[in-house]
Amino acid sequence: MRRALLTLTLTMVITCAGTSYLAGSALSEPAVRPIGPAPADLNTVDVEFAGVKGWFVPAGENAPCLLLMHGVRSDRRSMIERARLLRQAGYSALLFDFQAHGESPGEHITFGYRESSNARAAVSFLRSRFKCSKVGALGQSLGGAAALLGKEPIKVDALVLESVYPTIDEAVAARLKLRLGEAGALLAPLLTLQLKPRLGIDPEDLRPISRIGQFHGPVLVMAGMEDKHTPIEEAERLFAAAKEPKEFWAVPGAAHVDLQRFEPVVYRQKLLGFLAKHLGPPRLVAETQE
């Protein structure tokens, strides 16, 4: 009996370890794919910087510029509607594929760690290449984490964060719970323990909540009230750690989805109101500087 119990326990441990290893491989596997041409109405300029590819959407000389950063396993195309909204309002935009996403090469997705260097390079590219009166950034999920992680948060004049996880431990636990039930969360440590040997990343380096207080500028945090990947309580904690001035929008009924698509009218009001307050009314800025 004792021997059978030991064998069963060992089998369960091996099975859990194998499952977590495969899950880790799936989560970090590159999501590289062809993108195709940009929508003609955006009049985009193809750009490449620091090894990543993207599009610049101009809204006029000296207009404020927004850096648009997509979520995990997505690419710049998910930001097209935001770019269209911003261009209509008078903001230029830079959309790009993070490393290991879209048309940008990379060995692994790193949940915001290596992607953070792409975000900083994008800000530098915007400031050096295009005549932006001010620079803001909007990051969705992975994109928001990339804005905060790395050696320091990106240096922009205003920051919008959508559905951003506070810590990698909570993010992994939530996703395993969704797939495997309550017991799935117990496997989370087996996944986070793989970060260092497989990706060279310490879990402590994947804590946006520890970095958001280092961002010196206005912040808008958006989160779905029915989000199971990043529960609203976690978004509230991330918001609480940010410095003033800051704003919070909890979106009723929204899960871990595209918040612009889910609630387009209010999304437009919240986003453009925040940007106008902290970057200046775009058309007024452009007219003043002509």
Protein backbone atom coordinates (compact mmCIF):
# COMPACT_ATOMS: atom_id res chain seq x y z
CA MET A 1 0.00 0.00 0.00
CA ARG A 2 2.77 2.41 0.94
CA ARG A 3 4.67 1.61 -2.22
CA ALA A 4 1.55 2.11 -4.36
CA LEU A 5 0.92 5.48 -2.72
CA LEU A 6 4.51 6.55 -3.38
CA THR A 7 4.21 5.48 -7.01
CA LEU A 8 0.94 7.38 -7.41
CA THR A 9 2.44 10.50 -5.84
CA LEU A 10 5.51 10.32 -8.08
CA THR A 11 3.31 9.85 -11.14
CA MET A 12 1.23 12.88 -10.21
CA VAL A 13 4.35 15.02 -9.69
CA ILE A 14 5.81 13.99 -13.05
CA THR A 15 2.47 14.60 -14.77
CA CYS A 16 2.13 18.08 -13.21
CA ALA A 17 5.73 18.95 -14.08
CA GLY A 18 5.26 17.79 -17.65
CA THR A 19 2.00 19.66 -18.02
CA SER A 20 3.50 22.87 -16.64
CA TYR A 21 6.52 22.55 -18.95
CA LEU A 22 4.29 22.21 -22.00
CA ALA A 23 2.15 25.11 -20.81
CA GLY A 24 5.26 27.24 -20.38
CA SER A 25 6.37 26.39 -23.90
CA ALA A 26 2.97 27.31 -25.34
CA LEU A 27 2.79 30.63 -23.48
CA SER A 28 6.26 31.77 -24.52
CA GLU A 29 6.23 30.43 -28.09
CA PRO A 30 6.67 33.23 -30.67
CA ALA A 31 3.55 34.52 -32.43
CA VAL A 32 5.31 35.58 -35.64
CA ARG A 33 3.17 35.95 -38.78
CA PRO A 34 2.83 38.03 -41.97
CA ILE A 35 0.92 41.28 -41.44
CA GLY A 36 0.07 42.44 -44.94
CA PRO A 37 -0.52 46.03 -46.07
CA ALA A 38 -1.85 48.76 -43.81
CA PRO A 39 -5.36 50.19 -44.37
CA ALA A 40 -5.18 52.74 -47.19
CA ASP A 41 -7.18 55.38 -45.32
CA LEU A 42 -4.50 55.73 -42.64
CA ASN A 43 -1.78 56.88 -45.08
CA THR A 44 0.81 54.97 -43.08
CA VAL A 45 4.58 55.13 -43.33
CA ASP A 46 6.34 51.76 -42.98
CA VAL A 47 8.98 51.96 -40.25
CA GLU A 48 11.62 49.72 -38.71
CA PHE A 49 13.68 50.44 -35.60
CA ALA A 50 15.65 48.39 -33.07
CA GLY A 51 14.78 45.18 -34.94
CA VAL A 52 10.98 45.63 -34.89
CA LYS A 53 8.57 46.64 -37.64
CA GLY A 54 5.60 48.96 -37.59
CA TRP A 55 3.53 51.73 -39.13
CA PHE A 56 3.46 55.45 -38.44
CA VAL A 57 0.10 57.12 -38.94
CA PRO A 58 0.57 60.90 -39.47
CA ALA A 59 -2.05 63.43 -38.42
CA GLY A 60 -0.14 66.56 -39.37
CA GLU A 61 3.14 68.23 -38.51
CA ASN A 62 3.67 68.97 -34.82
CA ALA A 63 0.62 66.93 -33.77
CA PRO A 64 0.88 65.02 -30.49
CA CYS A 65 1.94 61.39 -31.06
CA LEU A 66 0.63 58.23 -29.43
CA LEU A 67 2.59 54.99 -29.15
CA LEU A 68 0.14 52.07 -29.47
CA MET A 69 1.26 48.73 -28.00
CA HIS A 70 -0.67 45.50 -28.56
CA GLY A 71 -1.46 42.58 -26.26
CA VAL A 72 0.17 39.17 -25.96
CA ARG A 73 0.13 36.92 -29.06
CA SER A 74 -1.40 39.77 -31.08
CA ASP A 75 0.24 42.32 -33.40
CA ARG A 76 -0.02 45.92 -34.58
CA ARG A 77 -3.25 45.23 -36.48
CA SER A 78 -5.16 45.08 -33.19
CA MET A 79 -4.33 48.77 -32.75
CA ILE A 80 -5.70 49.90 -36.14
CA GLU A 81 -9.08 51.11 -34.83
CA ARG A 82 -7.37 53.08 -32.07
CA ALA A 83 -5.03 54.64 -34.64
CA ARG A 84 -8.04 55.53 -36.78
CA LEU A 85 -9.81 57.11 -33.80
CA LEU A 86 -6.72 59.07 -32.84
CA ARG A 87 -6.00 60.28 -36.37
CA GLN A 88 -9.56 61.57 -36.71
CA ALA A 89 -9.04 63.49 -33.47
CA GLY A 90 -5.73 64.93 -34.69
CA TYR A 91 -3.18 62.62 -33.04
CA SER A 92 -0.42 60.82 -34.94
CA ALA A 93 0.24 57.21 -33.93
CA LEU A 94 2.99 54.62 -34.04
CA LEU A 95 1.91 50.97 -34.19
CA PHE A 96 4.54 48.23 -34.08
CA ASP A 97 4.96 44.50 -33.48
CA PHE A 98 6.74 43.55 -30.26
CA GLN A 99 9.65 41.14 -30.52
CA ALA A 100 8.42 37.57 -31.21
CA HIS A 101 5.11 38.98 -32.50
CA GLY A 102 3.82 39.80 -35.99
CA GLU A 103 6.71 40.61 -38.31
CA SER A 104 9.26 41.26 -35.56
CA PRO A 105 11.62 38.33 -34.89
CA GLY A 106 12.25 36.87 -31.44
CA GLU A 107 12.92 33.57 -29.71
CA HIS A 108 10.37 33.85 -26.91
CA ILE A 109 7.51 36.00 -25.68
CA THR A 110 8.69 37.36 -22.33
CA PHE A 111 5.49 38.89 -20.86
CA GLY A 112 6.77 42.44 -21.02
CA TYR A 113 10.43 42.02 -20.06
CA ARG A 114 12.24 42.07 -23.42
CA GLU A 115 9.25 43.85 -24.91
CA SER A 116 9.99 46.78 -22.59
CA SER A 117 13.17 47.54 -24.56
CA ASN A 118 11.00 47.71 -27.71
CA ALA A 119 8.73 50.21 -25.97
CA ARG A 120 11.63 52.45 -24.93
CA ALA A 121 13.13 52.25 -28.43
CA ALA A 122 9.76 53.22 -29.90
CA VAL A 123 9.58 56.35 -27.73
CA SER A 124 13.11 57.35 -28.76
CA PHE A 125 12.24 56.69 -32.42
CA LEU A 126 9.13 58.86 -32.22
CA ARG A 127 10.99 61.75 -30.64
CA SER A 128 13.95 61.62 -33.04
CA ARG A 129 12.23 60.79 -36.34
CA PHE A 130 8.92 62.66 -36.22
CA LYS A 131 7.99 66.18 -35.14
CA CYS A 132 5.70 65.35 -32.21
CA SER A 133 4.63 68.23 -29.97
CA LYS A 134 4.20 65.71 -27.15
CA VAL A 135 4.36 61.91 -26.87
CA GLY A 136 1.90 59.64 -25.09
CA ALA A 137 1.52 55.86 -24.97
CA LEU A 138 -1.30 53.33 -24.78
CA GLY A 139 -0.56 49.73 -23.85
CA GLN A 140 -3.03 46.88 -23.87
CA SER A 141 -2.26 43.91 -21.55
CA LEU A 142 1.30 42.92 -22.56
CA GLY A 143 1.76 46.39 -24.08
CA GLY A 144 0.94 48.05 -20.78
CA ALA A 145 3.33 45.79 -18.88
CA ALA A 146 6.07 46.62 -21.39
CA ALA A 147 5.51 50.33 -20.73
CA LEU A 148 6.36 49.81 -17.06
CA LEU A 149 8.93 47.00 -16.91
CA GLY A 150 12.66 46.88 -17.67
CA LYS A 151 15.23 49.29 -16.27
CA GLU A 152 12.59 52.04 -15.96
CA PRO A 153 9.09 52.93 -17.22
CA ILE A 154 8.97 54.62 -20.60
CA LYS A 155 9.35 58.40 -20.55
CA VAL A 156 6.20 59.82 -22.09
CA ASP A 157 3.92 62.76 -21.31
CA ALA A 158 0.84 60.60 -20.59
CA LEU A 159 0.23 56.86 -20.23
CA VAL A 160 -2.89 54.74 -20.79
CA LEU A 161 -2.95 51.17 -19.45
CA GLU A 162 -5.62 48.67 -20.49
CA SER A 163 -6.14 45.35 -18.69
CA VAL A 164 -2.59 45.12 -17.30
CA TYR A 165 -1.61 42.41 -14.83
CA PRO A 166 -0.03 43.52 -11.51
CA THR A 167 2.32 40.53 -11.06
CA ILE A 168 3.26 37.54 -13.20
CA ASP A 169 2.36 35.17 -10.35
CA GLU A 170 -1.23 36.42 -10.31
CA ALA A 171 -1.44 36.47 -14.10
CA VAL A 172 -0.32 32.84 -14.40
CA ALA A 173 -2.56 31.67 -11.55
CA ALA A 174 -5.62 33.35 -13.08
CA ARG A 175 -5.03 31.78 -16.49
CA LEU A 176 -4.46 28.30 -15.09
CA LYS A 177 -7.58 28.63 -12.97
CA LEU A 178 -9.62 29.48 -16.06
CA ARG A 179 -8.35 26.42 -17.91
CA LEU A 180 -8.08 23.84 -15.12
CA GLY A 181 -10.43 25.04 -12.41
CA GLU A 182 -9.55 25.98 -8.84
CA ALA A 183 -6.80 23.37 -8.65
CA GLY A 184 -5.10 24.91 -11.69
CA ALA A 185 -3.91 27.88 -9.65
CA LEU A 186 -1.84 25.47 -7.55
CA LEU A 187 0.32 24.77 -10.61
CA ALA A 188 1.27 28.43 -11.02
CA PRO A 189 4.57 28.14 -9.09
CA LEU A 190 5.67 25.35 -11.45
CA LEU A 191 5.31 27.79 -14.36
CA THR A 192 6.91 30.83 -12.74
CA LEU A 193 9.85 28.69 -11.62
CA GLN A 194 10.62 28.10 -15.32
CA LEU A 195 11.15 31.79 -16.03
CA LYS A 196 14.75 31.94 -14.84
CA PRO A 197 16.15 28.75 -16.41
CA ARG A 198 14.21 29.04 -19.67
CA LEU A 199 14.05 32.78 -20.30
CA GLY A 200 16.64 34.22 -17.92
CA ILE A 201 13.95 36.31 -16.19
CA ASP A 202 13.36 36.58 -12.46
CA PRO A 203 9.65 36.68 -11.51
CA GLU A 204 10.46 39.86 -9.56
CA ASP A 205 11.23 41.50 -12.91
CA LEU A 206 7.63 40.91 -14.00
CA ARG A 207 5.80 43.04 -11.45
CA PRO A 208 4.22 46.09 -13.12
CA ILE A 209 2.72 47.03 -9.76
CA SER A 210 6.23 47.55 -8.39
CA ARG A 211 7.17 49.86 -11.28
CA ILE A 212 4.10 51.99 -11.89
CA GLY A 213 5.01 54.30 -9.00
CA GLN A 214 8.23 55.14 -10.83
CA PHE A 215 6.32 56.64 -13.75
CA HIS A 216 6.27 60.41 -13.39
CA GLY A 217 3.28 61.54 -15.40
CA PRO A 218 -0.51 61.25 -15.70
CA VAL A 219 -1.91 57.72 -15.91
CA LEU A 220 -5.27 56.38 -17.07
CA VAL A 221 -6.01 52.77 -16.04
CA MET A 222 -8.83 50.93 -17.81
CA ALA A 223 -10.12 47.51 -16.77
CA GLY A 224 -13.11 45.25 -17.40
CA MET A 225 -15.24 44.53 -14.35
CA GLU A 226 -15.79 40.93 -15.52
CA ASP A 227 -12.17 40.29 -16.47
CA LYS A 228 -11.09 36.83 -15.22
CA HIS A 229 -7.53 37.10 -16.57
CA THR A 230 -6.85 40.30 -14.63
CA PRO A 231 -9.66 40.65 -12.07
CA ILE A 232 -10.89 44.16 -11.32
CA GLU A 233 -9.43 43.94 -7.80
CA GLU A 234 -5.97 43.50 -9.29
CA ALA A 235 -6.49 46.47 -11.63
CA GLU A 236 -7.56 48.57 -8.64
CA ARG A 237 -4.37 47.64 -6.80
CA LEU A 238 -2.28 48.60 -9.82
CA PHE A 239 -4.09 51.94 -9.98
CA ALA A 240 -3.58 52.53 -6.25
CA ALA A 241 0.20 52.13 -6.70
CA ALA A 242 0.33 54.84 -9.39
CA LYS A 243 1.16 58.45 -8.57
CA GLU A 244 -1.16 61.38 -9.16
CA PRO A 245 -2.49 62.64 -11.49
CA LYS A 246 -4.34 59.45 -12.34
CA GLU A 247 -7.75 58.27 -13.52
CA PHE A 248 -9.52 54.90 -13.40
CA TRP A 249 -12.26 53.51 -15.63
CA ALA A 250 -13.90 50.24 -14.64
CA VAL A 251 -15.85 49.01 -17.68
CA PRO A 252 -19.16 47.33 -16.68
CA GLY A 253 -19.68 43.91 -18.24
CA ALA A 254 -16.28 43.78 -19.97
CA ALA A 255 -14.00 40.75 -19.66
CA HIS A 256 -10.38 40.56 -20.94
CA VAL A 257 -11.43 41.99 -24.28
CA ASP A 258 -10.78 44.91 -26.59
CA LEU A 259 -12.32 47.69 -24.50
CA GLN A 260 -12.66 50.04 -27.47
CA ARG A 261 -14.69 47.48 -29.37
CA PHE A 262 -16.74 46.57 -26.29
CA GLU A 263 -17.74 50.12 -25.32
CA PRO A 264 -16.76 52.40 -28.24
CA VAL A 265 -18.64 55.59 -27.32
CA VAL A 266 -17.50 55.83 -23.71
CA TYR A 267 -14.03 54.60 -24.66
CA ARG A 268 -13.67 57.50 -27.08
CA GLN A 269 -14.83 59.99 -24.46
CA LYS A 270 -12.52 58.66 -21.75
CA LEU A 271 -9.45 58.35 -23.96
CA LEU A 272 -9.73 61.63 -25.84
CA GLY A 273 -10.69 63.52 -22.69
CA PHE A 274 -7.60 62.24 -20.90
CA LEU A 275 -5.31 62.97 -23.84
CA ALA A 276 -6.70 66.46 -24.38
CA LYS A 277 -6.13 67.26 -20.72
CA HIS A 278 -2.53 66.08 -20.62
CA LEU A 279 -1.22 66.36 -24.19
CA GLY A 280 -3.27 69.37 -25.23
CA PRO A 281 -6.12 69.54 -27.77
CA PRO A 282 -4.28 68.20 -30.84
CA ARG A 283 -5.65 70.50 -33.51
CA LEU A 284 -5.20 73.54 -31.28
CA VAL A 285 -1.57 72.53 -30.64
CA ALA A 286 -0.94 72.09 -34.37
CA GLU A 287 -2.52 75.44 -35.26
CA THR A 288 -0.54 77.23 -32.56
CA GLN A 289 2.75 75.88 -33.86
CA GLU A 290 2.15 76.50 -37.57
